[in-house]
């Protein structure tokens, strides 16, 4: 699912990936998820790099 944010520095377009760990029997890992966001275009990547510097 795309995610578009209107920030004061500009518009950032990202897509997300979601990873779930564990098995239904492993209660310690049952609810552990990692969600990562990646820039969808070169302009968004450049803006995020500039904001991180």
Protein backbone atom coordinates (compact mmCIF):
# COMPACT_ATOMS: atom_id res chain seq x y z
CA UNK A 1 0.00 0.00 0.00
CA UNK A 2 1.49 3.36 -0.96
CA UNK A 3 2.00 6.00 1.71
CA UNK A 4 2.18 9.67 0.67
CA UNK A 5 3.15 12.31 3.23
CA UNK A 6 2.93 16.06 2.77
CA UNK A 7 5.79 17.40 4.89
CA UNK A 8 6.99 21.00 5.26
CA UNK A 9 10.11 19.98 3.30
CA UNK A 10 8.06 18.48 0.45
CA UNK A 11 6.02 15.47 -0.63
CA UNK A 12 7.36 12.00 0.22
CA UNK A 13 5.98 8.87 -1.45
CA UNK A 14 6.83 5.49 0.11
CA UNK A 15 5.80 1.85 -0.07
CA UNK A 16 5.84 -0.56 2.84
CA UNK A 17 6.72 -4.18 3.50
CA UNK A 18 5.49 -6.15 6.50
CA UNK A 19 7.20 -9.22 7.94
CA UNK A 20 5.72 -11.43 10.66
CA UNK A 21 7.86 -13.84 12.67
CA UNK A 22 7.04 -17.00 14.56
CA UNK A 23 4.45 -19.71 14.33
CA UNK A 24 0.98 -19.94 15.88
CA UNK A 25 2.38 -22.17 18.64
CA UNK A 26 5.27 -19.86 19.57
CA UNK A 27 3.61 -17.33 21.87
CA UNK A 28 6.79 -15.24 22.30
CA UNK A 29 7.06 -14.53 18.56
CA UNK A 30 3.37 -14.68 17.69
CA UNK A 31 2.83 -10.92 17.60
CA UNK A 32 6.28 -9.75 16.46
CA UNK A 33 6.06 -7.79 13.19
CA UNK A 34 8.51 -5.51 11.42
CA UNK A 35 7.25 -2.86 9.01
CA UNK A 36 9.73 -1.08 6.75
CA UNK A 37 9.14 1.94 4.54
CA UNK A 38 11.06 2.55 1.31
CA UNK A 39 10.98 5.60 -0.97
CA UNK A 40 8.88 5.07 -4.10
CA UNK A 41 10.80 7.46 -6.33
CA UNK A 42 14.14 9.25 -6.66
CA UNK A 43 12.73 12.56 -5.43
CA UNK A 44 11.46 11.00 -2.21
CA UNK A 45 14.77 9.21 -1.65
CA UNK A 46 16.71 12.46 -2.09
CA UNK A 47 14.39 14.34 0.28
CA UNK A 48 14.68 11.65 2.96
CA UNK A 49 18.48 11.62 2.65
CA UNK A 50 18.60 15.41 2.97
CA UNK A 51 16.34 15.31 6.06
CA UNK A 52 18.56 12.62 7.64
CA UNK A 53 21.75 14.61 7.21
